[in-house]
Each structure stands twice: as C-alpha cells, then as structure tokens.
Amino acid sequence: MGEASAVEPRGTTRAMAPLQLSLVTLGVADLRRAVTFYEALGLVRRVKEATGAAFFDAGGVVLSLYPRVELAADAGVVAGRPGAFGGIALACNRASRSEVDTTLIRAVAAGGRALRPAQPTFWGGYSGYVADPDGHPWEIAHNPGFPFDAAGRIVLPD
C-alpha cells in the first residue's frame, strides 16, 4: 500500500502543481571534502546541524550532498562507479565569458578536475566543463540568450 502507483485510479481528476526542481542531491564519497569544494566556490551551507548530509542554497534550488552508497540504497539502486558518467550534467550560467573562465579556475583550484576548457559554442555562447571531486560534471557557461533577473536567476525566452 505504501508504494506509489504509476496510474491514477479511474474517475479521479485532480489539479496538481507543476513539477518544480527543489533539490539536487549528489552522492559523494567524502562528505567533508565535498563540502569544502562547494564552499570554496561560494555556496553557503545551511542546516549546519544536519549530520550525514550537507545542504547549500544554490539560488532557488537546494544542492544537497549525501554519502554515495547511502543515496543509492535510499533510491533502491546499485551505486555505480564513482566518476563514471551517469547521464546528467549540472550547469552554472555566468554573466560573462570572463566569469566562466574565473569559475573554472576556482573549481580546479578547489579540488575539481578540468574536463573541457571554455570555448565558443555552436549556440553563440561560451562554456567549459569541470568535475567536482566525486566526478560530477558541471558545465560553466555564458549564454547571451538567457539573461538574469534581479535575483540572479535565468530568464528563459518564450
């Protein structure tokens, strides 16, 4: 009875809020090392009394860090090889090309691994990739077609 059903019962129609990304949780091998990396990039840790996990305000979405093996067990999956591509890349947009370069340099200095140097893109922007200490790839990009609002969030065109 506790499992979610893939099909709603017949005759039920209910309004539901649209899906919103609230949290991104990264499985990490060494929580302390991962916290140090993300703090070095300027993220502010919140809920500091939480043990066994870390939470950062990431501009409207929470970035959480959790031990990799425990996260896999919680999701009911087998933990893959750390550093192997899992079919997802995180991204951080910047206001300029120079901010992209600076962010990539800081990420590597904080313990990240350069994956692809920043370069002009086919879509008119500029981006490069870096992996965090657990191998999670981050695209650091400047996209002139995605401006920022006053709160620093991307504004997507219609």
Protein backbone atom coordinates (compact mmCIF):
# COMPACT_ATOMS: atom_id res chain seq x y z
CA MET A 1 0.00 0.00 0.00
CA GLY A 2 2.95 2.35 0.62
CA GLU A 3 4.22 2.14 -2.97
CA ALA A 4 3.29 4.84 -5.47
CA SER A 5 1.00 3.80 -8.28
CA ALA A 6 2.02 4.62 -11.84
CA VAL A 7 -1.64 5.01 -12.84
CA GLU A 8 -4.16 7.17 -11.06
CA PRO A 9 -7.43 5.44 -10.18
CA ARG A 10 -10.24 5.82 -12.73
CA GLY A 11 -12.55 8.72 -12.23
CA THR A 12 -10.02 10.82 -10.37
CA THR A 13 -9.08 14.15 -11.78
CA ARG A 14 -7.20 16.45 -9.51
CA ALA A 15 -5.32 19.60 -10.09
CA MET A 16 -1.67 19.27 -9.29
CA ALA A 17 1.02 21.90 -9.11
CA PRO A 18 3.55 21.70 -11.97
CA LEU A 19 6.76 19.85 -11.31
CA GLN A 20 9.44 22.13 -9.86
CA LEU A 21 13.04 21.27 -9.16
CA SER A 22 13.56 21.80 -5.44
CA LEU A 23 16.68 19.82 -4.57
CA VAL A 24 19.58 18.25 -6.43
CA THR A 25 21.33 15.62 -4.32
CA LEU A 26 24.82 14.48 -5.24
CA GLY A 27 26.19 11.21 -3.91
CA VAL A 28 29.69 11.81 -2.58
CA ALA A 29 32.49 9.59 -1.31
CA ASP A 30 33.80 12.04 1.29
CA LEU A 31 31.23 14.48 2.66
CA ARG A 32 33.78 16.79 4.30
CA ARG A 33 35.84 17.05 1.08
CA ALA A 34 32.71 17.78 -0.97
CA VAL A 35 31.55 20.46 1.49
CA THR A 36 34.96 22.13 1.31
CA PHE A 37 34.83 22.13 -2.51
CA TYR A 38 31.39 23.75 -2.76
CA GLU A 39 32.12 26.29 -0.03
CA ALA A 40 35.28 27.28 -1.94
CA LEU A 41 33.04 28.04 -4.92
CA GLY A 42 30.97 30.41 -2.80
CA LEU A 43 27.95 28.30 -1.90
CA VAL A 44 26.62 28.94 1.59
CA ARG A 45 25.91 25.88 3.71
CA ARG A 46 22.60 25.88 5.54
CA VAL A 47 21.08 23.49 8.13
CA LYS A 48 24.53 23.02 9.61
CA GLU A 49 23.17 20.90 12.43
CA ALA A 50 22.24 18.17 9.92
CA THR A 51 24.61 15.23 10.30
CA GLY A 52 25.48 12.91 7.46
CA ALA A 53 24.33 15.37 4.79
CA ALA A 54 25.00 18.94 3.71
CA PHE A 55 22.64 21.49 2.20
CA PHE A 56 23.53 24.60 0.21
CA ASP A 57 21.42 27.47 -1.04
CA ALA A 58 22.03 27.35 -4.79
CA GLY A 59 19.85 30.23 -5.96
CA GLY A 60 16.33 28.90 -5.61
CA VAL A 61 17.31 25.24 -5.72
CA VAL A 62 18.97 23.37 -2.87
CA LEU A 63 22.18 21.49 -3.61
CA SER A 64 22.50 18.64 -1.16
CA LEU A 65 25.40 16.26 -0.59
CA TYR A 66 24.85 12.77 0.77
CA PRO A 67 27.08 9.69 1.06
CA ARG A 68 27.02 7.94 -2.33
CA VAL A 69 26.35 4.39 -1.10
CA GLU A 70 23.59 5.56 1.24
CA LEU A 71 21.96 7.62 -1.53
CA ALA A 72 21.94 4.63 -3.87
CA ALA A 73 20.41 2.44 -1.16
CA ASP A 74 17.77 5.08 -0.41
CA ALA A 75 16.80 5.23 -4.10
CA GLY A 76 16.79 1.43 -4.39
CA VAL A 77 19.55 1.30 -6.99
CA VAL A 78 23.06 -0.12 -7.13
CA ALA A 79 25.77 2.51 -6.70
CA GLY A 80 27.74 2.91 -9.92
CA ARG A 81 31.43 3.52 -10.25
CA PRO A 82 32.38 6.96 -8.90
CA GLY A 83 33.39 9.29 -11.71
CA ALA A 84 31.53 7.33 -14.41
CA PHE A 85 29.16 9.43 -16.46
CA GLY A 86 25.64 8.99 -15.12
CA GLY A 87 23.82 10.77 -17.93
CA ILE A 88 23.48 14.11 -16.14
CA ALA A 89 25.47 17.32 -16.06
CA LEU A 90 24.84 20.21 -13.72
CA ALA A 91 25.24 23.74 -15.02
CA CYS A 92 26.00 27.20 -13.74
CA ASN A 93 25.41 30.15 -16.05
CA ARG A 94 27.58 33.23 -15.69
CA ALA A 95 27.08 36.82 -16.82
CA SER A 96 30.24 36.95 -18.97
CA ARG A 97 32.96 34.88 -20.60
CA SER A 98 35.49 36.11 -18.05
CA GLU A 99 33.26 34.86 -15.21
CA VAL A 100 33.17 31.45 -16.91
CA ASP A 101 36.98 31.36 -17.01
CA THR A 102 37.29 32.52 -13.39
CA THR A 103 34.76 29.93 -12.16
CA LEU A 104 36.56 27.09 -13.96
CA ILE A 105 39.92 28.18 -12.50
CA ARG A 106 38.47 28.39 -8.97
CA ALA A 107 36.80 24.97 -9.30
CA VAL A 108 40.09 23.32 -10.28
CA ALA A 109 41.95 25.15 -7.51
CA ALA A 110 39.34 23.87 -5.02
CA GLY A 111 39.93 20.24 -5.99
CA GLY A 112 37.89 19.85 -9.15
CA ARG A 113 39.17 18.31 -12.37
CA ALA A 114 39.13 20.18 -15.68
CA LEU A 115 37.14 18.25 -18.28
CA ARG A 116 36.93 20.66 -21.23
CA PRO A 117 38.35 24.16 -21.43
CA ALA A 118 35.95 27.02 -22.07
CA GLN A 119 35.38 27.77 -25.72
CA PRO A 120 32.82 29.40 -28.00
CA THR A 121 29.78 27.20 -28.61
CA PHE A 122 27.66 26.48 -31.70
CA TRP A 123 24.70 28.21 -29.97
CA GLY A 124 26.53 31.52 -29.62
CA GLY A 125 27.66 31.18 -26.04
CA TYR A 126 30.83 30.17 -24.25
CA SER A 127 31.25 27.16 -21.98
CA GLY A 128 33.61 24.67 -20.40
CA TYR A 129 33.32 21.68 -18.08
CA VAL A 130 34.80 20.77 -14.72
CA ALA A 131 34.15 17.75 -12.49
CA ASP A 132 33.74 18.11 -8.74
CA PRO A 133 35.90 15.86 -6.50
CA ASP A 134 33.39 13.00 -6.95
CA GLY A 135 33.36 13.27 -10.74
CA HIS A 136 30.01 15.07 -11.13
CA PRO A 137 30.35 17.17 -14.30
CA TRP A 138 29.49 20.85 -14.20
CA GLU A 139 29.07 22.98 -17.30
CA ILE A 140 30.07 26.57 -16.63
CA ALA A 141 28.52 28.71 -19.35
CA HIS A 142 27.73 32.18 -20.58
CA ASN A 143 24.60 32.25 -22.74
CA PRO A 144 23.78 35.72 -24.06
CA GLY A 145 20.26 34.46 -24.91
CA PHE A 146 19.47 33.62 -21.27
CA PRO A 147 19.61 36.89 -19.30
CA PHE A 148 19.39 37.06 -15.50
CA ASP A 149 16.61 38.66 -13.45
CA ALA A 150 17.25 40.91 -10.42
CA ALA A 151 17.59 37.83 -8.18
CA GLY A 152 20.26 36.31 -10.44
CA ARG A 153 18.01 33.59 -11.92
CA ILE A 154 17.94 32.77 -15.63
CA VAL A 155 15.07 34.22 -17.63
CA LEU A 156 14.11 31.86 -20.45
CA PRO A 157 12.72 33.48 -23.59
CA ASP A 158 9.27 32.39 -24.78
